[in-house]
Protein backbone atom coordinates (compact mmCIF):
# COMPACT_ATOMS: atom_id res chain seq x y z
CA MET A 1 -24.54 -24.23 -69.11
CA LYS A 2 -27.92 -25.92 -69.50
CA LYS A 3 -31.38 -24.39 -69.24
CA GLU A 4 -32.07 -26.57 -66.21
CA GLN A 5 -29.14 -24.95 -64.39
CA VAL A 6 -30.61 -21.52 -65.04
CA VAL A 7 -34.01 -22.67 -63.74
CA ASN A 8 -32.39 -24.05 -60.57
CA CYS A 9 -30.80 -20.67 -59.83
CA GLN A 10 -34.14 -18.88 -59.54
CA PHE A 11 -34.53 -17.21 -56.17
CA SER A 12 -37.68 -19.16 -55.31
CA VAL A 13 -35.81 -22.43 -55.91
CA TRP A 14 -32.69 -21.89 -53.79
CA TYR A 15 -34.04 -19.56 -51.08
CA PRO A 16 -36.28 -22.16 -49.32
CA ILE A 17 -33.27 -24.50 -49.10
CA PHE A 18 -30.92 -21.92 -47.54
CA LYS A 19 -33.43 -19.54 -45.95
CA LYS A 20 -31.91 -19.55 -42.45
CA HIS A 21 -28.51 -18.59 -43.87
CA SER A 22 -29.75 -15.68 -45.98
CA ILE A 23 -31.48 -12.31 -45.66
CA LYS A 24 -35.20 -12.36 -44.88
CA SER A 25 -37.20 -12.09 -48.10
CA LEU A 26 -40.72 -12.34 -49.48
CA ILE A 27 -41.75 -13.58 -52.94
CA LEU A 28 -44.81 -12.30 -54.83
CA PRO A 29 -46.12 -13.71 -58.15
CA LEU A 30 -45.77 -11.14 -60.93
CA PRO A 31 -49.11 -10.60 -62.76
CA GLN A 32 -49.03 -10.75 -66.54
CA ASN A 33 -50.19 -7.15 -66.89
CA VAL A 34 -47.23 -6.02 -64.78
CA ILE A 35 -44.85 -8.08 -66.94
CA ASP A 36 -46.34 -6.47 -70.06
CA TYR A 37 -45.84 -3.03 -68.52
CA LEU A 38 -42.20 -3.75 -67.66
CA LEU A 39 -41.53 -4.93 -71.22
CA ASP A 40 -43.31 -1.98 -72.82
CA ASP A 41 -40.78 0.22 -74.63
CA GLY A 42 -43.02 3.25 -74.39
CA THR A 43 -42.47 6.37 -72.31
CA LEU A 44 -41.07 5.60 -68.89
CA VAL A 45 -43.85 6.47 -66.48
CA VAL A 46 -44.39 4.93 -63.10
CA SER A 47 -47.53 4.34 -61.14
CA GLY A 48 -49.14 7.50 -59.86
CA ARG A 49 -47.17 9.88 -62.10
CA TYR A 50 -48.12 11.83 -65.21
CA GLU A 51 -45.92 13.08 -68.01
CA ASN A 52 -46.56 15.66 -70.75
CA CYS A 53 -45.01 14.73 -74.08
CA VAL A 54 -44.57 17.68 -76.50
CA GLN A 55 -44.26 16.75 -80.16
CA SER A 56 -42.35 19.58 -81.86
CA ASP A 57 -43.54 18.88 -85.40
CA ASP A 58 -47.14 19.97 -84.85
CA GLU A 59 -46.85 21.36 -81.31
CA THR A 60 -49.44 18.96 -79.98
CA THR A 61 -49.31 17.89 -76.37
CA THR A 62 -50.44 14.54 -75.08
CA THR A 63 -50.76 13.45 -71.49
CA VAL A 64 -49.50 9.98 -70.63
CA THR A 65 -51.10 8.36 -67.63
CA ALA A 66 -49.23 5.62 -65.86
CA PRO A 67 -51.05 2.30 -65.59
CA GLU A 68 -52.36 1.38 -62.17
CA PHE A 69 -52.24 -2.01 -60.47
CA PRO A 70 -54.23 -1.46 -57.25
CA GLU A 71 -54.38 -5.08 -56.04
CA PHE A 72 -50.71 -5.78 -56.78
CA THR A 73 -49.68 -2.41 -55.33
CA SER A 74 -51.48 -3.25 -52.09
CA LYS A 75 -49.77 -6.66 -51.82
CA VAL A 76 -46.34 -5.15 -52.51
CA GLN A 77 -46.79 -2.40 -49.92
CA GLU A 78 -47.95 -4.95 -47.35
CA ALA A 79 -44.84 -7.02 -48.00
CA ILE A 80 -42.57 -3.97 -47.81
CA ASN A 81 -44.08 -3.00 -44.47
CA ALA A 82 -43.62 -6.56 -43.18
CA LEU A 83 -39.92 -6.30 -44.05
CA GLY A 84 -39.40 -3.08 -42.13
CA GLY A 85 -40.44 -0.50 -44.72
CA ARG A 86 -37.31 -0.69 -46.91
CA VAL A 87 -36.45 -3.43 -49.41
CA PHE A 88 -34.00 -4.52 -52.08
CA PRO A 89 -36.00 -5.68 -55.16
CA LYS A 90 -35.15 -8.26 -57.81
CA LEU A 91 -36.80 -10.71 -60.16
CA ASN A 92 -36.24 -14.48 -60.43
CA TRP A 93 -32.54 -14.00 -61.11
CA SER A 94 -31.43 -10.40 -61.43
CA ALA A 95 -31.52 -7.17 -59.48
CA PRO A 96 -31.57 -3.80 -61.33
CA ARG A 97 -27.96 -3.01 -60.37
CA ASP A 98 -27.43 -1.27 -63.71
CA ALA A 99 -30.20 1.24 -62.96
CA ASN A 100 -29.25 2.74 -59.59
CA TRP A 101 -28.22 5.92 -61.44
CA ILE A 102 -31.87 6.84 -61.95
CA ALA A 103 -32.80 6.69 -58.24
CA LEU A 104 -32.68 9.94 -56.30
CA ASN A 105 -30.15 8.51 -53.83
CA SER A 106 -28.35 6.29 -56.39
CA SER A 107 -29.44 3.32 -54.30
CA LEU A 108 -31.52 0.19 -54.89
CA GLN A 109 -33.35 0.81 -51.63
CA CYS A 110 -37.11 1.01 -52.25
CA ASP A 111 -40.10 1.78 -50.05
CA SER A 112 -42.89 1.61 -52.66
CA LEU A 113 -43.86 -0.08 -55.90
CA ARG A 114 -43.25 3.24 -57.63
CA ASP A 115 -39.57 3.05 -56.67
CA ILE A 116 -39.36 -0.55 -57.86
CA PHE A 117 -40.98 0.21 -61.22
CA LEU A 118 -38.60 3.11 -61.81
CA LEU A 119 -35.59 0.82 -61.34
CA PHE A 120 -37.03 -2.14 -63.24
CA LYS A 121 -38.12 -0.05 -66.24
CA SER A 122 -34.59 1.38 -66.48
CA SER A 123 -32.71 -1.92 -66.19
CA ASP A 124 -31.30 -4.05 -69.00
CA PHE A 125 -30.70 -6.82 -66.45
CA ILE A 126 -34.43 -6.99 -65.69
CA THR A 127 -35.31 -6.97 -69.38
CA HIS A 128 -32.92 -9.90 -69.92
CA ASP A 129 -34.65 -11.86 -67.15
CA LEU A 130 -38.05 -11.29 -68.73
CA ALA A 131 -37.17 -11.66 -72.40
CA GLN A 132 -34.09 -13.88 -72.81
CA PRO A 133 -33.22 -15.82 -69.65
CA PHE A 134 -31.86 -18.81 -71.62
CA LEU A 135 -29.94 -16.89 -74.29
CA ALA A 136 -26.49 -18.15 -73.22
CA CYS A 137 -27.49 -21.80 -72.73
CA SER A 138 -25.83 -24.52 -74.78
CA ASP A 139 -28.98 -26.62 -75.25
CA GLN A 140 -30.82 -24.15 -77.48
CA ASP A 141 -32.54 -26.97 -79.39
CA SER A 142 -34.51 -28.00 -76.30
CA PRO A 143 -37.78 -26.19 -75.46
CA ASP A 144 -37.57 -23.32 -73.00
CA PRO A 145 -38.89 -24.24 -69.54
CA VAL A 146 -42.02 -22.41 -68.41
CA ILE A 147 -41.09 -19.60 -66.03
CA ASN A 148 -43.42 -18.18 -63.40
CA TYR A 149 -42.08 -14.69 -62.88
CA GLU A 150 -41.86 -13.34 -59.36
CA LEU A 151 -41.06 -10.12 -57.57
CA VAL A 152 -38.55 -10.77 -54.82
CA LEU A 153 -38.40 -8.29 -51.93
CA ARG A 154 -35.41 -8.60 -49.62
CA LYS A 155 -35.22 -6.82 -46.28
CA TRP A 156 -32.93 -3.83 -46.75
CA SER A 157 -29.52 -4.37 -45.18
CA GLU A 158 -26.58 -1.98 -45.27
CA LEU A 159 -23.96 -4.29 -46.76
CA ILE A 160 -20.41 -3.00 -46.98
CA PRO A 161 -19.14 -3.79 -50.52
CA GLY A 162 -15.78 -4.92 -49.10
CA GLY A 163 -17.54 -7.79 -47.34
CA GLU A 164 -19.01 -9.39 -50.48
CA PHE A 165 -17.41 -12.33 -52.27
CA ARG A 166 -18.27 -14.49 -55.28
CA CYS A 167 -17.59 -18.22 -54.98
CA PHE A 168 -17.26 -20.70 -57.85
CA VAL A 169 -18.22 -24.35 -57.38
CA LYS A 170 -17.34 -27.10 -59.85
CA GLU A 171 -18.36 -30.72 -59.25
CA ASN A 172 -19.42 -29.72 -55.73
CA LYS A 173 -15.91 -28.45 -54.97
CA LEU A 174 -15.23 -24.81 -54.08
CA ILE A 175 -12.51 -23.90 -56.59
CA ALA A 176 -12.31 -20.09 -56.48
CA ILE A 177 -13.28 -17.02 -54.45
CA SER A 178 -13.23 -13.48 -55.85
CA GLN A 179 -13.71 -10.11 -54.22
CA ARG A 180 -17.19 -9.06 -55.41
CA ASP A 181 -16.49 -5.33 -55.78
CA TYR A 182 -13.21 -5.78 -57.62
CA THR A 183 -13.19 -2.15 -58.80
CA GLN A 184 -12.07 -0.98 -55.35
CA TYR A 185 -9.13 -1.73 -53.06
CA TYR A 186 -10.10 -2.83 -49.55
CA GLN A 187 -7.08 -3.11 -47.29
CA HIS A 188 -8.82 -5.42 -44.81
CA VAL A 189 -9.61 -7.93 -47.58
CA TRP A 190 -5.99 -8.11 -48.65
CA LYS A 191 -4.78 -8.43 -45.05
CA GLN A 192 -7.42 -10.97 -43.94
CA GLU A 193 -7.26 -13.31 -46.92
CA GLU A 194 -6.61 -16.40 -44.79
CA GLN A 195 -9.45 -15.68 -42.34
CA ILE A 196 -11.88 -14.86 -45.15
CA CYS A 197 -11.06 -18.06 -47.04
CA HIS A 198 -11.38 -20.15 -43.89
CA ALA A 199 -14.79 -18.61 -43.03
CA ILE A 200 -16.19 -19.09 -46.53
CA GLN A 201 -14.86 -22.65 -46.84
CA GLY A 202 -16.42 -23.54 -43.51
CA PHE A 203 -19.75 -22.02 -44.53
CA PHE A 204 -19.69 -23.87 -47.84
CA SER A 205 -18.86 -27.28 -46.36
CA GLN A 206 -21.41 -26.97 -43.53
CA HIS A 207 -24.39 -25.43 -45.32
CA ILE A 208 -24.04 -25.34 -49.12
CA GLN A 209 -22.06 -28.32 -50.37
CA TYR A 210 -24.27 -31.16 -51.72
CA ASN A 211 -27.42 -29.25 -50.75
CA PHE A 212 -27.90 -27.38 -54.04
CA LEU A 213 -29.61 -28.98 -57.03
CA ASP A 214 -26.55 -28.77 -59.32
CA GLU A 215 -22.91 -29.65 -58.77
CA ASP A 216 -21.67 -26.65 -60.80
CA PHE A 217 -22.86 -23.21 -59.66
CA VAL A 218 -21.77 -19.80 -58.38
CA PHE A 219 -22.84 -18.30 -55.09
CA ASP A 220 -22.36 -14.86 -53.52
CA VAL A 221 -21.76 -14.40 -49.80
CA TYR A 222 -21.38 -11.56 -47.33
CA ARG A 223 -19.01 -11.76 -44.36
CA ASP A 224 -20.16 -9.38 -41.63
CA SER A 225 -18.10 -7.56 -39.01
CA GLN A 226 -18.52 -10.50 -36.61
CA GLY A 227 -17.09 -12.93 -39.15
CA ARG A 228 -20.43 -14.61 -39.88
CA VAL A 229 -21.08 -15.57 -43.50
CA TRP A 230 -24.47 -15.04 -45.18
CA LEU A 231 -25.70 -16.39 -48.52
CA ILE A 232 -26.73 -13.52 -50.82
CA ASP A 233 -27.36 -15.11 -54.21
CA VAL A 234 -26.90 -18.20 -56.41
CA ASN A 235 -26.01 -17.97 -60.10
CA PRO A 236 -25.41 -20.37 -63.01
CA PHE A 237 -21.87 -21.64 -63.59
CA GLY A 238 -21.28 -20.10 -67.00
CA GLU A 239 -20.45 -16.96 -68.93
CA VAL A 240 -23.83 -15.37 -68.19
CA THR A 241 -22.39 -14.85 -64.68
CA ASP A 242 -19.56 -12.32 -64.22
CA SER A 243 -16.34 -14.19 -63.38
CA LEU A 244 -14.89 -11.00 -61.83
CA LEU A 245 -11.15 -11.44 -61.13
CA PHE A 246 -11.04 -14.83 -62.83
CA SER A 247 -11.67 -15.81 -66.44
CA TRP A 248 -14.13 -18.50 -67.47
CA GLU A 249 -11.31 -20.20 -69.34
CA GLU A 250 -9.48 -20.59 -66.03
CA LEU A 251 -12.57 -21.82 -64.22
CA THR A 252 -13.69 -24.35 -66.81
CA GLY A 253 -10.41 -25.51 -68.39
CA GLY A 254 -9.31 -29.10 -67.81
CA GLY A 255 -5.93 -28.02 -66.42
CA GLY A 256 -7.30 -24.91 -64.79
CA ILE A 257 -7.72 -23.72 -61.24
CA ALA A 258 -9.66 -26.77 -60.07
CA GLN A 259 -6.68 -29.06 -60.80
CA GLN A 260 -3.91 -26.83 -59.46
CA GLN A 261 -4.40 -26.75 -55.70
CA GLU A 262 -6.16 -28.23 -52.72
CA GLY A 263 -8.11 -25.22 -51.48
CA PRO A 264 -9.91 -22.54 -53.51
CA ALA A 265 -7.95 -19.87 -55.36
CA PHE A 266 -8.53 -16.44 -53.81
CA ARG A 267 -8.23 -13.15 -55.66
CA CYS A 268 -8.77 -9.57 -54.56
CA THR A 269 -7.72 -6.12 -55.71
CA THR A 270 -4.27 -5.80 -54.13
CA SER A 271 -3.59 -2.07 -54.44
CA GLU A 272 -5.17 1.23 -55.38
CA VAL A 273 -3.15 1.15 -58.60
CA THR A 274 -5.40 -1.62 -59.94
CA VAL A 275 -8.70 0.09 -59.05
CA GLN A 276 -11.07 0.10 -62.04
CA PRO A 277 -14.28 1.93 -62.98
CA SER A 278 -17.52 0.15 -62.18
CA PRO A 279 -18.76 -2.05 -65.07
CA CYS A 280 -22.24 -0.57 -64.53
CA LEU A 281 -21.01 2.88 -65.61
CA SER A 282 -21.69 1.94 -69.24
CA TYR A 283 -25.42 1.85 -68.44
CA ARG A 284 -25.51 5.39 -67.10
CA ILE A 285 -26.61 8.60 -68.78
CA PRO A 286 -24.73 11.93 -68.48
CA ARG A 287 -24.81 13.39 -64.98
CA ASP A 288 -26.40 16.62 -66.26
CA PHE A 289 -29.40 14.63 -67.54
CA VAL A 290 -29.85 13.04 -64.13
CA ASP A 291 -29.68 16.43 -62.40
CA LEU A 292 -32.32 17.80 -64.77
CA SER A 293 -34.65 14.83 -64.43
CA THR A 294 -34.56 14.84 -60.64
CA GLY A 295 -34.41 18.59 -60.06
CA GLU A 296 -31.25 17.99 -58.05
CA ASP A 297 -29.47 20.98 -59.61
CA ALA A 298 -31.87 23.93 -59.73
CA TYR A 299 -29.46 26.17 -61.68
CA LYS A 300 -29.13 23.63 -64.50
CA LEU A 301 -32.91 23.38 -64.66
CA ILE A 302 -33.27 27.17 -64.85
CA ASP A 303 -30.64 27.37 -67.61
CA PHE A 304 -32.41 24.59 -69.50
CA LEU A 305 -35.78 26.37 -69.31
CA LYS A 306 -34.19 29.65 -70.47
CA LEU A 307 -32.62 27.81 -73.42
CA HIS A 308 -35.98 26.26 -74.28
CA ASP A 309 -37.64 29.69 -74.31
CA THR A 310 -35.06 31.08 -76.74
CA LEU A 311 -35.51 28.27 -79.26
CA PRO A 312 -37.82 28.91 -82.29
CA HIS A 313 -41.24 27.27 -82.00
C-alpha cells in the first residue's frame, strides 16, 4: 500500500466522483487550532463545558475551561441544520466508531459540535488520522503528502447493520464481498446471498469500476430494503483496512481468491454459533464508569459520593 493510495481514499477525493450514489454530505476545512485541540492529551473537555479537577496531594482545585471556536462552531451548526439537524461525523478517512461508548445514546449521531468533539477526543481512530495516516505504507522513504484536514458531516441515516457489506477490488476486479458486521448472524444475508452478490456486482460494474483513481481499493456499500445499493466509504487496499471475514493473505496472495473463481467470493456469518464480540469492545471503559460519568445510574452516583465522603482527606 502506497501513500498515494491513502491520499486517494480521502473522503473529499472520492465523494465528488460518486456523490449521486452516496449519502448527502458536507465538507468543512478543519482549522489548525481545532486540530491542536483534538490532539491535546489534556483533560477531556468539550466546548461550552467546565470541569473541576481536584488534586489530592495539596487539595487545590483548578477550573478547566474548554476552548471556544465561535466561527467554526457557527459553520458546523449551519451545516448540521442544512443536513436535517442530525449528522454522522468523520475526518478525511475515519469515523470515531471506537468511541460510541462515551455518547449518551451509544450512537455516533450528533446534533452539535459539542457532540462531535466528545467523540473525536475519545477516538483512537481519529488520532490515527491526524497523527499517523501513512504509518502502514510501504514507501516510508518517500516524503509524506501534505494533508488538508477536513470535518465531514454526513446526513444521519438509520442504516441496518445487516445491510452493510465490504467489497475488495484488485486490479479493477471485484474479488471478494464480506458482511460488514460479521459479529452478528443475519438470517436474511445468509438466505439472500445470490441476490446480494448480484446487486453489488451490478452496482460496481455500472458506477465504480474504472472510475476510482486506483485499481486496488476497498469500498463499503449499503443495500437498502428496496434492493438499491449505496456507496458508504472507500478505503485503501491493505492491512490498515479491516479484512473482516477474509485474511489479507487470501486477498493479496498470487494463488488466492482472485485466481480461484469468476465472480467475487462472498462470506457472511452463517449461524449464531459463530457470533463474535465487537472488535470495538477493546476501546471501551467499564460500564460503571460510563454510568457515573453520564449520571445514567443515580444510585451508583450516590454510592460513589458516599464513598468519597468516607475517604480521609
